[in-house]
Protein backbone atom coordinates (compact mmCIF):
# COMPACT_ATOMS: atom_id res chain seq x y z
CA MET A 1 -3.87 3.01 -23.56
CA SER A 2 -1.74 4.67 -20.91
CA LYS A 3 -1.68 3.70 -17.29
CA THR A 4 -1.16 5.79 -14.19
CA ILE A 5 0.96 3.96 -11.64
CA LEU A 6 0.21 4.72 -8.00
CA CYS A 7 2.53 2.22 -6.34
CA LEU A 8 5.86 2.08 -8.16
CA CYS A 9 7.20 -0.80 -6.07
CA ARG A 10 4.31 -3.15 -6.92
CA ASP A 11 3.19 -1.59 -10.23
CA VAL A 12 -0.33 -0.91 -8.91
CA THR A 13 -2.29 1.37 -11.24
CA VAL A 14 -5.35 3.58 -10.89
CA GLN A 15 -7.26 0.92 -12.84
CA ASP A 16 -6.16 -1.75 -10.35
CA VAL A 17 -7.52 0.32 -7.46
CA ARG A 18 -10.76 1.10 -9.32
CA ARG A 19 -11.29 -2.60 -10.06
CA ALA A 20 -10.54 -3.58 -6.45
CA VAL A 21 -13.02 -1.04 -5.07
CA ALA A 22 -15.65 -2.24 -7.56
CA GLU A 23 -15.10 -5.77 -6.23
CA GLY A 24 -15.67 -4.62 -2.64
CA TYR A 25 -12.16 -3.95 -1.38
CA ASP A 26 -13.06 -0.49 -0.13
CA ASP A 27 -10.71 0.10 2.80
CA MET A 28 -6.94 0.47 2.84
CA GLU A 29 -6.22 -2.82 4.60
CA THR A 30 -8.18 -5.02 2.19
CA LEU A 31 -7.10 -2.94 -0.79
CA LYS A 32 -3.49 -3.41 0.26
CA ARG A 33 -3.95 -7.18 0.55
CA PHE A 34 -5.79 -7.47 -2.78
CA THR A 35 -3.47 -5.28 -4.89
CA GLY A 36 -0.15 -5.50 -3.05
CA ALA A 37 0.02 -1.71 -2.87
CA CYS A 38 2.11 -0.34 0.00
CA THR A 39 3.91 -3.67 0.47
CA GLY A 40 7.05 -3.02 -1.58
CA PRO A 41 10.45 -1.85 -0.41
CA CYS A 42 9.16 1.66 0.40
CA GLN A 43 6.38 0.20 2.62
CA GLY A 44 3.92 2.78 1.28
CA LYS A 45 6.03 5.83 1.99
CA THR A 46 5.71 7.06 -1.60
CA CYS A 47 2.23 5.81 -2.54
CA VAL A 48 -0.07 5.64 0.46
CA ASP A 49 -1.26 9.25 0.25
CA GLY A 50 -2.25 8.99 -3.41
CA ILE A 51 -3.98 5.67 -2.90
CA ARG A 52 -5.86 6.97 0.14
CA GLN A 53 -7.03 10.00 -1.85
CA LEU A 54 -8.24 7.86 -4.75
CA LEU A 55 -9.98 5.49 -2.35
CA ALA A 56 -11.72 8.42 -0.65
CA ASP A 57 -12.83 9.77 -4.03
CA LEU A 58 -14.12 6.39 -5.21
CA THR A 59 -16.03 5.64 -2.01
CA GLY A 60 -17.31 9.16 -1.36
CA ARG A 61 -15.76 9.22 2.10
CA PRO A 62 -13.77 12.13 3.51
CA LEU A 63 -10.02 11.55 3.44
CA ASP A 64 -9.82 11.55 7.24
CA GLU A 65 -12.14 8.50 7.24
CA VAL A 66 -9.69 6.53 5.10
CA PRO A 67 -6.85 5.70 7.49
CA ALA A 68 -3.49 4.53 6.25
CA PRO A 69 -2.84 0.83 6.74
CA PRO A 70 -1.07 -0.01 9.99
CA ARG A 71 2.69 -0.14 9.79
CA ARG A 72 4.14 -3.46 10.75
CA PRO A 73 7.76 -4.12 11.62
CA PRO A 74 10.12 -3.83 9.95
CA VAL A 75 9.24 -0.33 8.82
CA THR A 76 12.58 -0.04 7.08
CA PRO A 77 14.29 -2.76 5.04
CA VAL A 78 16.50 -5.09 7.06
CA ARG A 79 19.40 -6.97 5.51
CA LEU A 80 19.10 -10.73 5.79
CA GLY A 81 22.60 -10.84 7.27
CA THR A 82 21.38 -8.67 10.14
CA LEU A 83 18.52 -11.05 10.81
CA ALA A 84 20.78 -14.09 10.51
CA ALA A 85 23.57 -12.72 12.71
CA ARG A 86 24.00 -14.45 16.00
CA ASP A 87 24.39 -12.54 19.19
CA GLU A 88 27.47 -14.16 20.76
CA ASP A 89 26.98 -12.43 24.14
């Protein structure tokens, strides 16, 4: 059986999203928390559109009624050294 991966960072498949929606996780925020989609290094930049489209199809809602999850800082990866650096000023 083949699998279609939607979120490459977290290895979230179409089947994972289908199962999550069947269990009641039918909005992007709860779907993200349940599956881990959009939480990898890309922060959803490569997968959020496909996941939103599938979620809209599965729930019968128009795509514009399935908002992307809110972006939370940091939006881009930050090196730990940057966070650990002391400001000597």
